[in-house]
PDB file of N, CA and C in Angstrom:
ATOM      1  N   MET A   1     -20.460 -13.526  22.189  1.00  0.00           N
ATOM      2  CA  MET A   1     -19.851 -13.437  23.506  1.00  0.00           C
ATOM      3  C   MET A   1     -20.609 -12.389  24.316  1.00  0.00           C
ATOM      4  N   SER A   2     -20.837 -12.677  25.568  1.00  0.00           N
ATOM      5  CA  SER A   2     -21.523 -11.762  26.472  1.00  0.00           C
ATOM      6  C   SER A   2     -20.661 -10.536  26.739  1.00  0.00           C
ATOM      7  N   GLU A   3     -21.326  -9.417  26.968  1.00  0.00           N
ATOM      8  CA  GLU A   3     -20.628  -8.189  27.333  1.00  0.00           C
ATOM      9  C   GLU A   3     -19.983  -8.314  28.713  1.00  0.00           C
ATOM     10  N   PHE A   4     -20.524  -9.183  29.553  1.00  0.00           N
ATOM     11  CA  PHE A   4     -20.060  -9.344  30.924  1.00  0.00           C
ATOM     12  C   PHE A   4     -19.250 -10.631  31.044  1.00  0.00           C
ATOM     13  N   VAL A   5     -17.943 -10.513  30.844  1.00  0.00           N
ATOM     14  CA  VAL A   5     -17.060 -11.670  30.780  1.00  0.00           C
ATOM     15  C   VAL A   5     -15.775 -11.406  31.558  1.00  0.00           C
ATOM     16  N   TRP A   6     -14.968 -12.453  31.676  1.00  0.00           N
ATOM     17  CA  TRP A   6     -13.655 -12.394  32.306  1.00  0.00           C
ATOM     18  C   TRP A   6     -12.598 -12.795  31.292  1.00  0.00           C
ATOM     19  N   LEU A   7     -11.438 -12.164  31.382  1.00  0.00           N
ATOM     20  CA  LEU A   7     -10.294 -12.687  30.655  1.00  0.00           C
ATOM     21  C   LEU A   7      -9.843 -13.940  31.379  1.00  0.00           C
ATOM     22  N   LEU A   8      -9.182 -14.833  30.672  1.00  0.00           N
ATOM     23  CA  LEU A   8      -8.797 -16.102  31.280  1.00  0.00           C
ATOM     24  C   LEU A   8      -7.633 -15.968  32.258  1.00  0.00           C
ATOM     25  N   LYS A   9      -6.819 -14.952  32.130  1.00  0.00           N
ATOM     26  CA  LYS A   9      -5.623 -14.835  32.960  1.00  0.00           C
ATOM     27  C   LYS A   9      -5.927 -14.063  34.249  1.00  0.00           C
ATOM     28  N   LEU A  10      -6.379 -14.771  35.259  1.00  0.00           N
ATOM     29  CA  LEU A  10      -6.677 -14.186  36.563  1.00  0.00           C
ATOM     30  C   LEU A  10      -5.665 -14.684  37.587  1.00  0.00           C
ATOM     31  N   PRO A  11      -5.358 -13.869  38.588  1.00  0.00           N
ATOM     32  CA  PRO A  11      -4.492 -14.402  39.643  1.00  0.00           C
ATOM     33  C   PRO A  11      -5.243 -15.491  40.405  1.00  0.00           C
ATOM     34  N   PRO A  12      -4.572 -16.570  40.776  1.00  0.00           N
ATOM     35  CA  PRO A  12      -5.235 -17.642  41.540  1.00  0.00           C
ATOM     36  C   PRO A  12      -5.787 -17.117  42.861  1.00  0.00           C
ATOM     37  N   PRO A  13      -7.036 -17.463  43.203  1.00  0.00           N
ATOM     38  CA  PRO A  13      -7.659 -16.964  44.438  1.00  0.00           C
ATOM     39  C   PRO A  13      -6.820 -17.211  45.689  1.00  0.00           C
ATOM     40  N   VAL A  14      -6.147 -18.351  45.779  1.00  0.00           N
ATOM     41  CA  VAL A  14      -5.345 -18.635  46.970  1.00  0.00           C
ATOM     42  C   VAL A  14      -4.197 -17.629  47.088  1.00  0.00           C
ATOM     43  N   GLU A  15      -3.614 -17.229  45.966  1.00  0.00           N
ATOM     44  CA  GLU A  15      -2.524 -16.260  45.999  1.00  0.00           C
ATOM     45  C   GLU A  15      -3.037 -14.859  46.345  1.00  0.00           C
ATOM     46  N   VAL A  16      -4.240 -14.529  45.861  1.00  0.00           N
ATOM     47  CA  VAL A  16      -4.843 -13.242  46.199  1.00  0.00           C
ATOM     48  C   VAL A  16      -5.075 -13.163  47.708  1.00  0.00           C
ATOM     49  N   ARG A  17      -5.613 -14.244  48.290  1.00  0.00           N
ATOM     50  CA  ARG A  17      -5.858 -14.278  49.745  1.00  0.00           C
ATOM     51  C   ARG A  17      -4.561 -14.190  50.532  1.00  0.00           C
ATOM     52  N   GLN A  18      -3.570 -14.978  50.145  1.00  0.00           N
ATOM     53  CA  GLN A  18      -2.311 -15.005  50.891  1.00  0.00           C
ATOM     54  C   GLN A  18      -1.578 -13.669  50.828  1.00  0.00           C
ATOM     55  N   SER A  19      -1.693 -12.956  49.726  1.00  0.00           N
ATOM     56  CA  SER A  19      -0.968 -11.694  49.582  1.00  0.00           C
ATOM     57  C   SER A  19      -1.780 -10.491  50.052  1.00  0.00           C
ATOM     58  N   TRP A  20      -3.025 -10.711  50.520  1.00  0.00           N
ATOM     59  CA  TRP A  20      -3.889  -9.594  50.908  1.00  0.00           C
ATOM     60  C   TRP A  20      -3.253  -8.636  51.918  1.00  0.00           C
ATOM     61  N   PRO A  21      -2.645  -9.114  53.016  1.00  0.00           N
ATOM     62  CA  PRO A  21      -2.039  -8.154  53.956  1.00  0.00           C
ATOM     63  C   PRO A  21      -0.982  -7.267  53.287  1.00  0.00           C
ATOM     64  N   LYS A  22      -0.161  -7.836  52.421  1.00  0.00           N
ATOM     65  CA  LYS A  22       0.852  -7.053  51.710  1.00  0.00           C
ATOM     66  C   LYS A  22       0.212  -6.080  50.728  1.00  0.00           C
ATOM     67  N   THR A  23      -0.885  -6.500  50.105  1.00  0.00           N
ATOM     68  CA  THR A  23      -1.586  -5.639  49.158  1.00  0.00           C
ATOM     69  C   THR A  23      -2.114  -4.386  49.853  1.00  0.00           C
ATOM     70  N   VAL A  24      -2.738  -4.565  51.011  1.00  0.00           N
ATOM     71  CA  VAL A  24      -3.312  -3.431  51.749  1.00  0.00           C
ATOM     72  C   VAL A  24      -2.218  -2.439  52.141  1.00  0.00           C
ATOM     73  N   VAL A  25      -1.066  -2.945  52.570  1.00  0.00           N
ATOM     74  CA  VAL A  25       0.044  -2.069  52.949  1.00  0.00           C
ATOM     75  C   VAL A  25       0.615  -1.354  51.718  1.00  0.00           C
ATOM     76  N   ALA A  26       0.761  -2.065  50.624  1.00  0.00           N
ATOM     77  CA  ALA A  26       1.365  -1.501  49.412  1.00  0.00           C
ATOM     78  C   ALA A  26       0.448  -0.526  48.684  1.00  0.00           C
ATOM     79  N   LEU A  27      -0.880  -0.686  48.870  1.00  0.00           N
ATOM     80  CA  LEU A  27      -1.844   0.144  48.138  1.00  0.00           C
ATOM     81  C   LEU A  27      -2.824   0.814  49.104  1.00  0.00           C
ATOM     82  N   PRO A  28      -2.336   1.737  49.934  1.00  0.00           N
ATOM     83  CA  PRO A  28      -3.246   2.393  50.881  1.00  0.00           C
ATOM     84  C   PRO A  28      -4.241   3.302  50.155  1.00  0.00           C
ATOM     85  N   VAL A  29      -5.314   3.646  50.843  1.00  0.00           N
ATOM     86  CA  VAL A  29      -6.301   4.571  50.291  1.00  0.00           C
ATOM     87  C   VAL A  29      -5.584   5.850  49.869  1.00  0.00           C
ATOM     88  N   GLY A  30      -5.925   6.327  48.673  1.00  0.00           N
ATOM     89  CA  GLY A  30      -5.299   7.530  48.127  1.00  0.00           C
ATOM     90  C   GLY A  30      -4.183   7.246  47.145  1.00  0.00           C
ATOM     91  N   THR A  31      -3.778   5.975  47.001  1.00  0.00           N
ATOM     92  CA  THR A  31      -2.725   5.605  46.070  1.00  0.00           C
ATOM     93  C   THR A  31      -3.260   5.627  44.644  1.00  0.00           C
ATOM     94  N   HIS A  32      -2.478   6.185  43.729  1.00  0.00           N
ATOM     95  CA  HIS A  32      -2.852   6.148  42.315  1.00  0.00           C
ATOM     96  C   HIS A  32      -2.360   4.830  41.720  1.00  0.00           C
ATOM     97  N   ILE A  33      -3.225   4.153  40.981  1.00  0.00           N
ATOM     98  CA  ILE A  33      -2.865   2.874  40.360  1.00  0.00           C
ATOM     99  C   ILE A  33      -3.112   2.949  38.857  1.00  0.00           C
ATOM    100  N   THR A  34      -2.458   2.054  38.139  1.00  0.00           N
ATOM    101  CA  THR A  34      -2.764   1.807  36.742  1.00  0.00           C
ATOM    102  C   THR A  34      -2.935   0.304  36.594  1.00  0.00           C
ATOM    103  N   GLY A  35      -3.631  -0.105  35.574  1.00  0.00           N
ATOM    104  CA  GLY A  35      -3.839  -1.525  35.356  1.00  0.00           C
ATOM    105  C   GLY A  35      -4.626  -1.805  34.102  1.00  0.00           C
ATOM    106  N   ARG A  36      -5.020  -3.069  33.970  1.00  0.00           N
ATOM    107  CA  ARG A  36      -5.715  -3.540  32.773  1.00  0.00           C
ATOM    108  C   ARG A  36      -7.026  -4.180  33.186  1.00  0.00           C
ATOM    109  N   VAL A  37      -8.094  -3.880  32.449  1.00  0.00           N
ATOM    110  CA  VAL A  37      -9.414  -4.435  32.742  1.00  0.00           C
ATOM    111  C   VAL A  37      -9.404  -5.929  32.428  1.00  0.00           C
ATOM    112  N   ILE A  38      -9.729  -6.750  33.449  1.00  0.00           N
ATOM    113  CA  ILE A  38      -9.716  -8.210  33.271  1.00  0.00           C
ATOM    114  C   ILE A  38     -11.101  -8.823  33.383  1.00  0.00           C
ATOM    115  N   GLY A  39     -12.092  -8.042  33.760  1.00  0.00           N
ATOM    116  CA  GLY A  39     -13.448  -8.579  33.860  1.00  0.00           C
ATOM    117  C   GLY A  39     -14.471  -7.468  33.892  1.00  0.00           C
ATOM    118  N   ARG A  40     -15.613  -7.742  33.261  1.00  0.00           N
ATOM    119  CA  ARG A  40     -16.729  -6.788  33.254  1.00  0.00           C
ATOM    120  C   ARG A  40     -17.969  -7.499  33.757  1.00  0.00           C
ATOM    121  N   GLN A  41     -18.652  -6.853  34.673  1.00  0.00           N
ATOM    122  CA  GLN A  41     -19.908  -7.371  35.198  1.00  0.00           C
ATOM    123  C   GLN A  41     -20.905  -6.210  35.247  1.00  0.00           C
ATOM    124  N   ARG A  42     -22.163  -6.517  35.494  1.00  0.00           N
ATOM    125  CA  ARG A  42     -23.184  -5.462  35.539  1.00  0.00           C
ATOM    126  C   ARG A  42     -22.899  -4.420  36.616  1.00  0.00           C
ATOM    127  N   PHE A  43     -22.253  -4.826  37.694  1.00  0.00           N
ATOM    128  CA  PHE A  43     -22.013  -3.935  38.829  1.00  0.00           C
ATOM    129  C   PHE A  43     -20.708  -3.164  38.733  1.00  0.00           C
ATOM    130  N   GLY A  44     -19.856  -3.459  37.754  1.00  0.00           N
ATOM    131  CA  GLY A  44     -18.581  -2.777  37.608  1.00  0.00           C
ATOM    132  C   GLY A  44     -17.586  -3.620  36.837  1.00  0.00           C
ATOM    133  N   PHE A  45     -16.317  -3.309  37.026  1.00  0.00           N
ATOM    134  CA  PHE A  45     -15.288  -4.077  36.319  1.00  0.00           C
ATOM    135  C   PHE A  45     -14.079  -4.285  37.218  1.00  0.00           C
ATOM    136  N   PHE A  46     -13.323  -5.331  36.877  1.00  0.00           N
ATOM    137  CA  PHE A  46     -12.161  -5.743  37.658  1.00  0.00           C
ATOM    138  C   PHE A  46     -10.878  -5.369  36.918  1.00  0.00           C
ATOM    139  N   VAL A  47      -9.866  -5.013  37.705  1.00  0.00           N
ATOM    140  CA  VAL A  47      -8.606  -4.533  37.158  1.00  0.00           C
ATOM    141  C   VAL A  47      -7.447  -5.328  37.747  1.00  0.00           C
ATOM    142  N   GLN A  48      -6.548  -5.792  36.888  1.00  0.00           N
ATOM    143  CA  GLN A  48      -5.269  -6.357  37.329  1.00  0.00           C
ATOM    144  C   GLN A  48      -4.348  -5.163  37.541  1.00  0.00           C
ATOM    145  N   ILE A  49      -3.956  -4.915  38.782  1.00  0.00           N
ATOM    146  CA  ILE A  49      -3.204  -3.712  39.129  1.00  0.00           C
ATOM    147  C   ILE A  49      -1.732  -3.898  38.778  1.00  0.00           C
ATOM    148  N   GLU A  50      -1.213  -2.962  38.006  1.00  0.00           N
ATOM    149  CA  GLU A  50       0.177  -3.016  37.553  1.00  0.00           C
ATOM    150  C   GLU A  50       1.137  -3.014  38.739  1.00  0.00           C
ATOM    151  N   GLY A  51       2.106  -3.922  38.691  1.00  0.00           N
ATOM    152  CA  GLY A  51       3.104  -4.004  39.749  1.00  0.00           C
ATOM    153  C   GLY A  51       2.666  -4.816  40.958  1.00  0.00           C
ATOM    154  N   HIS A  52       1.433  -5.321  40.928  1.00  0.00           N
ATOM    155  CA  HIS A  52       0.880  -6.093  42.043  1.00  0.00           C
ATOM    156  C   HIS A  52       0.118  -7.283  41.450  1.00  0.00           C
ATOM    157  N   ALA A  53       0.845  -8.299  41.037  1.00  0.00           N
ATOM    158  CA  ALA A  53       0.279  -9.417  40.282  1.00  0.00           C
ATOM    159  C   ALA A  53      -0.864 -10.125  40.994  1.00  0.00           C
ATOM    160  N   ASP A  54      -0.860 -10.120  42.321  1.00  0.00           N
ATOM    161  CA  ASP A  54      -1.900 -10.840  43.062  1.00  0.00           C
ATOM    162  C   ASP A  54      -2.981  -9.919  43.610  1.00  0.00           C
ATOM    163  N   ALA A  55      -3.007  -8.662  43.173  1.00  0.00           N
ATOM    164  CA  ALA A  55      -4.020  -7.708  43.633  1.00  0.00           C
ATOM    165  C   ALA A  55      -5.088  -7.545  42.556  1.00  0.00           C
ATOM    166  N   VAL A  56      -6.340  -7.576  42.984  1.00  0.00           N
ATOM    167  CA  VAL A  56      -7.465  -7.377  42.071  1.00  0.00           C
ATOM    168  C   VAL A  56      -8.199  -6.114  42.499  1.00  0.00           C
ATOM    169  N   GLY A  57      -8.347  -5.188  41.546  1.00  0.00           N
ATOM    170  CA  GLY A  57      -9.085  -3.964  41.801  1.00  0.00           C
ATOM    171  C   GLY A  57     -10.508  -4.089  41.294  1.00  0.00           C
ATOM    172  N   LEU A  58     -11.437  -3.409  41.947  1.00  0.00           N
ATOM    173  CA  LEU A  58     -12.835  -3.382  41.520  1.00  0.00           C
ATOM    174  C   LEU A  58     -13.293  -1.937  41.463  1.00  0.00           C
ATOM    175  N   ALA A  59     -13.802  -1.537  40.310  1.00  0.00           N
ATOM    176  CA  ALA A  59     -14.421  -0.222  40.143  1.00  0.00           C
ATOM    177  C   ALA A  59     -15.915  -0.471  39.974  1.00  0.00           C
ATOM    178  N   GLU A  60     -16.681  -0.095  40.982  1.00  0.00           N
ATOM    179  CA  GLU A  60     -18.123  -0.326  40.968  1.00  0.00           C
ATOM    180  C   GLU A  60     -18.842   0.841  40.308  1.00  0.00           C
ATOM    181  N   VAL A  61     -19.920   0.530  39.578  1.00  0.00           N
ATOM    182  CA  VAL A  61     -20.661   1.583  38.908  1.00  0.00           C
ATOM    183  C   VAL A  61     -21.592   2.323  39.857  1.00  0.00           C
ATOM    184  N   GLY A  62     -22.124   1.680  40.868  1.00  0.00           N
ATOM    185  CA  GLY A  62     -23.073   2.311  41.783  1.00  0.00           C
ATOM    186  C   GLY A  62     -22.450   3.421  42.591  1.00  0.00           C
ATOM    187  N   GLY A  63     -22.819   4.655  42.318  1.00  0.00           N
ATOM    188  CA  GLY A  63     -22.347   5.776  43.093  1.00  0.00           C
ATOM    189  C   GLY A  63     -20.971   6.292  42.719  1.00  0.00           C
ATOM    190  N   ASN A  64     -20.174   5.544  41.987  1.00  0.00           N
ATOM    191  CA  ASN A  64     -18.829   5.990  41.614  1.00  0.00           C
ATOM    192  C   ASN A  64     -18.721   6.436  40.165  1.00  0.00           C
ATOM    193  N   MET A  65     -19.424   5.769  39.262  1.00  0.00           N
ATOM    194  CA  MET A  65     -19.305   6.066  37.838  1.00  0.00           C
ATOM    195  C   MET A  65     -20.368   7.083  37.428  1.00  0.00           C
ATOM    196  N   PRO A  66     -19.955   8.215  36.854  1.00  0.00           N
ATOM    197  CA  PRO A  66     -20.945   9.180  36.369  1.00  0.00           C
ATOM    198  C   PRO A  66     -21.873   8.535  35.327  1.00  0.00           C
ATOM    199  N   HIS A  67     -23.114   8.964  35.314  1.00  0.00           N
ATOM    200  CA  HIS A  67     -24.135   8.346  34.453  1.00  0.00           C
ATOM    201  C   HIS A  67     -23.815   8.431  32.966  1.00  0.00           C
ATOM    202  N   HIS A  68     -23.074   9.423  32.518  1.00  0.00           N
ATOM    203  CA  HIS A  68     -22.797   9.595  31.094  1.00  0.00           C
ATOM    204  C   HIS A  68     -21.626   8.734  30.602  1.00  0.00           C
ATOM    205  N   MET A  69     -20.973   8.003  31.482  1.00  0.00           N
ATOM    206  CA  MET A  69     -19.803   7.210  31.098  1.00  0.00           C
ATOM    207  C   MET A  69     -20.172   5.745  30.899  1.00  0.00           C
ATOM    208  N   GLU A  70     -19.311   5.023  30.182  1.00  0.00           N
ATOM    209  CA  GLU A  70     -19.496   3.595  29.941  1.00  0.00           C
ATOM    210  C   GLU A  70     -18.327   2.820  30.543  1.00  0.00           C
ATOM    211  N   LEU A  71     -18.561   1.527  30.783  1.00  0.00           N
ATOM    212  CA  LEU A  71     -17.489   0.665  31.286  1.00  0.00           C
ATOM    213  C   LEU A  71     -16.400   0.541  30.228  1.00  0.00           C
ATOM    214  N   PRO A  72     -15.125   0.559  30.636  1.00  0.00           N
ATOM    215  CA  PRO A  72     -14.051   0.320  29.670  1.00  0.00           C
ATOM    216  C   PRO A  72     -14.107  -1.128  29.154  1.00  0.00           C
ATOM    217  N   GLN A  73     -13.569  -1.331  27.987  1.00  0.00           N
ATOM    218  CA  GLN A  73     -13.559  -2.650  27.364  1.00  0.00           C
ATOM    219  C   GLN A  73     -12.522  -3.559  28.025  1.00  0.00           C
ATOM    220  N   LEU A  74     -12.707  -4.871  27.866  1.00  0.00           N
ATOM    221  CA  LEU A  74     -11.718  -5.835  28.349  1.00  0.00           C
ATOM    222  C   LEU A  74     -10.362  -5.533  27.728  1.00  0.00           C
ATOM    223  N   GLY A  75      -9.339  -5.596  28.546  1.00  0.00           N
ATOM    224  CA  GLY A  75      -7.983  -5.342  28.079  1.00  0.00           C
ATOM    225  C   GLY A  75      -7.588  -3.880  28.077  1.00  0.00           C
ATOM    226  N   ALA A  76      -8.533  -2.967  28.309  1.00  0.00           N
ATOM    227  CA  ALA A  76      -8.227  -1.536  28.308  1.00  0.00           C
ATOM    228  C   ALA A  76      -7.308  -1.180  29.475  1.00  0.00           C
ATOM    229  N   GLU A  77      -6.385  -0.266  29.227  1.00  0.00           N
ATOM    230  CA  GLU A  77      -5.526   0.264  30.274  1.00  0.00           C
ATOM    231  C   GLU A  77      -6.275   1.385  30.975  1.00  0.00           C
ATOM    232  N   VAL A  78      -6.286   1.355  32.302  1.00  0.00           N
ATOM    233  CA  VAL A  78      -6.994   2.360  33.080  1.00  0.00           C
ATOM    234  C   VAL A  78      -6.110   2.869  34.209  1.00  0.00           C
ATOM    235  N   GLY A  79      -6.458   4.026  34.727  1.00  0.00           N
ATOM    236  CA  GLY A  79      -5.785   4.592  35.886  1.00  0.00           C
ATOM    237  C   GLY A  79      -6.845   5.052  36.864  1.00  0.00           C
ATOM    238  N   GLY A  80      -6.503   5.022  38.139  1.00  0.00           N
ATOM    239  CA  GLY A  80      -7.469   5.451  39.130  1.00  0.00           C
ATOM    240  C   GLY A  80      -6.852   5.533  40.510  1.00  0.00           C
ATOM    241  N   TRP A  81      -7.729   5.705  41.491  1.00  0.00           N
ATOM    242  CA  TRP A  81      -7.323   5.919  42.872  1.00  0.00           C
ATOM    243  C   TRP A  81      -7.911   4.849  43.770  1.00  0.00           C
ATOM    244  N   VAL A  82      -7.126   4.369  44.716  1.00  0.00           N
ATOM    245  CA  VAL A  82      -7.627   3.428  45.714  1.00  0.00           C
ATOM    246  C   VAL A  82      -8.539   4.219  46.660  1.00  0.00           C
ATOM    247  N   ILE A  83      -9.791   3.750  46.794  1.00  0.00           N
ATOM    248  CA  ILE A  83     -10.743   4.438  47.677  1.00  0.00           C
ATOM    249  C   ILE A  83     -11.143   3.592  48.877  1.00  0.00           C
ATOM    250  N   ASP A  84     -10.816   2.285  48.849  1.00  0.00           N
ATOM    251  CA  ASP A  84     -11.189   1.410  49.964  1.00  0.00           C
ATOM    252  C   ASP A  84     -10.565   0.037  49.758  1.00  0.00           C
ATOM    253  N   HIS A  85     -10.656  -0.805  50.784  1.00  0.00           N
ATOM    254  CA  HIS A  85     -10.220  -2.202  50.714  1.00  0.00           C
ATOM    255  C   HIS A  85     -11.375  -3.070  51.191  1.00  0.00           C
ATOM    256  N   ALA A  86     -11.726  -4.072  50.417  1.00  0.00           N
ATOM    257  CA  ALA A  86     -12.795  -5.000  50.798  1.00  0.00           C
ATOM    258  C   ALA A  86     -12.147  -6.304  51.241  1.00  0.00           C
ATOM    259  N   GLY A  87     -11.878  -6.402  52.541  1.00  0.00           N
ATOM    260  CA  GLY A  87     -11.183  -7.562  53.079  1.00  0.00           C
ATOM    261  C   GLY A  87     -11.940  -8.858  52.942  1.00  0.00           C
ATOM    262  N   HIS A  88     -13.268  -8.803  52.963  1.00  0.00           N
ATOM    263  CA  HIS A  88     -14.058 -10.032  52.892  1.00  0.00           C
ATOM    264  C   HIS A  88     -13.904 -10.743  51.550  1.00  0.00           C
ATOM    265  N   ASN A  89     -13.608  -9.988  50.482  1.00  0.00           N
ATOM    266  CA  ASN A  89     -13.388 -10.646  49.192  1.00  0.00           C
ATOM    267  C   ASN A  89     -12.056 -10.237  48.548  1.00  0.00           C
ATOM    268  N   HIS A  90     -11.186  -9.628  49.344  1.00  0.00           N
ATOM    269  CA  HIS A  90      -9.808  -9.323  48.940  1.00  0.00           C
ATOM    270  C   HIS A  90      -9.741  -8.493  47.662  1.00  0.00           C
ATOM    271  N   GLN A  91     -10.509  -7.409  47.627  1.00  0.00           N
ATOM    272  CA  GLN A  91     -10.535  -6.525  46.473  1.00  0.00           C
ATOM    273  C   GLN A  91     -10.139  -5.109  46.881  1.00  0.00           C
ATOM    274  N   VAL A  92      -9.375  -4.487  46.009  1.00  0.00           N
ATOM    275  CA  VAL A  92      -8.992  -3.096  46.175  1.00  0.00           C
ATOM    276  C   VAL A  92     -10.034  -2.277  45.416  1.00  0.00           C
ATOM    277  N   LYS A  93     -10.803  -1.471  46.139  1.00  0.00           N
ATOM    278  CA  LYS A  93     -11.838  -0.653  45.484  1.00  0.00           C
ATOM    279  C   LYS A  93     -11.160   0.560  44.857  1.00  0.00           C
ATOM    280  N   ILE A  94     -11.502   0.825  43.597  1.00  0.00           N
ATOM    281  CA  ILE A  94     -10.877   1.943  42.887  1.00  0.00           C
ATOM    282  C   ILE A  94     -11.932   2.839  42.243  1.00  0.00           C
ATOM    283  N   ARG A  95     -11.523   4.066  41.996  1.00  0.00           N
ATOM    284  CA  ARG A  95     -12.326   5.020  41.234  1.00  0.00           C
ATOM    285  C   ARG A  95     -11.427   5.521  40.110  1.00  0.00           C
ATOM    286  N   LEU A  96     -11.908   5.420  38.895  1.00  0.00           N
ATOM    287  CA  LEU A  96     -11.113   5.839  37.745  1.00  0.00           C
ATOM    288  C   LEU A  96     -10.815   7.333  37.774  1.00  0.00           C
ATOM    289  N   ASP A  97      -9.704   7.709  37.172  1.00  0.00           N
ATOM    290  CA  ASP A  97      -9.334   9.119  37.070  1.00  0.00           C
ATOM    291  C   ASP A  97     -10.465   9.936  36.460  1.00  0.00           C
ATOM    292  N   GLU A  98     -11.027   9.459  35.350  1.00  0.00           N
ATOM    293  CA  GLU A  98     -12.066  10.233  34.666  1.00  0.00           C
ATOM    294  C   GLU A  98     -13.369  10.300  35.456  1.00  0.00           C
ATOM    295  N   TRP A  99     -13.534   9.432  36.458  1.00  0.00           N
ATOM    296  CA  TRP A  99     -14.728   9.489  37.300  1.00  0.00           C
ATOM    297  C   TRP A  99     -14.618  10.573  38.365  1.00  0.00           C
ATOM    298  N   THR A 100     -13.407  11.049  38.630  1.00  0.00           N
ATOM    299  CA  THR A 100     -13.220  12.042  39.673  1.00  0.00           C
ATOM    300  C   THR A 100     -13.196  13.460  39.133  1.00  0.00           C
ATOM    301  N   ALA A 101     -13.221  13.626  37.813  1.00  0.00           N
ATOM    302  CA  ALA A 101     -13.189  14.963  37.227  1.00  0.00           C
ATOM    303  C   ALA A 101     -14.588  15.565  37.229  1.00  0.00           C
ATOM    304  N   GLY A 102     -14.689  16.784  37.678  1.00  0.00           N
ATOM    305  CA  GLY A 102     -15.959  17.496  37.667  1.00  0.00           C
ATOM    306  C   GLY A 102     -16.281  17.987  36.273  1.00  0.00           C
ATOM    307  N   PRO A 103     -17.405  18.680  36.095  1.00  0.00           N
ATOM    308  CA  PRO A 103     -17.823  19.149  34.776  1.00  0.00           C
ATOM    309  C   PRO A 103     -16.822  20.080  34.117  1.00  0.00           C
ATOM    310  N   THR A 104     -16.014  20.789  34.887  1.00  0.00           N
ATOM    311  CA  THR A 104     -15.030  21.691  34.306  1.00  0.00           C
ATOM    312  C   THR A 104     -13.637  21.063  34.272  1.00  0.00           C
ATOM    313  N   GLY A 105     -13.546  19.786  34.608  1.00  0.00           N
ATOM    314  CA  GLY A 105     -12.265  19.093  34.582  1.00  0.00           C
ATOM    315  C   GLY A 105     -11.501  19.164  35.885  1.00  0.00           C
ATOM    316  N   CYS A 106     -12.042  19.854  36.893  1.00  0.00           N
ATOM    317  CA  CYS A 106     -11.353  19.932  38.176  1.00  0.00           C
ATOM    318  C   CYS A 106     -11.543  18.635  38.960  1.00  0.00           C
ATOM    319  N   GLN A 107     -10.616  18.340  39.820  1.00  0.00           N
ATOM    320  CA  GLN A 107     -10.690  17.109  40.598  1.00  0.00           C
ATOM    321  C   GLN A 107     -11.725  17.227  41.709  1.00  0.00           C
ATOM    322  N   VAL A 108     -12.496  16.177  41.881  1.00  0.00           N
ATOM    323  CA  VAL A 108     -13.470  16.092  42.956  1.00  0.00           C
ATOM    324  C   VAL A 108     -12.864  15.249  44.052  1.00  0.00           C
ATOM    325  N   SER A 109     -12.953  15.686  45.294  1.00  0.00           N
ATOM    326  CA  SER A 109     -12.347  14.910  46.389  1.00  0.00           C
ATOM    327  C   SER A 109     -13.167  13.666  46.672  1.00  0.00           C
ATOM    328  N   PHE A 110     -12.513  12.664  47.216  1.00  0.00           N
ATOM    329  CA  PHE A 110     -13.183  11.428  47.622  1.00  0.00           C
ATOM    330  C   PHE A 110     -12.660  11.063  48.930  1.00  0.00           C
TER     331      PHE A 110
END
């Protein structure tokens, strides 16, 4: 099996699109989220956000993930912060909690 795969249980794209306005209101920038990794790709990974069945989160590796860290495995529980909304593809951009910690464990602002 490839390292870059999707779990089979994804929210239907039509439901993600239809619920997008509600998702943006419910998950504004700065909101802390938890969820489960549902897909891994070379550019990052996708998260099914807890409490928001039709919301898909994306944590991109470019510029957000420290170089010494690895992508979480499929099915892993993760926590992070909403940093943006990508309306063109209906994704909630997130940064993991551990990606925001500085070398001494202090929080880095975003």
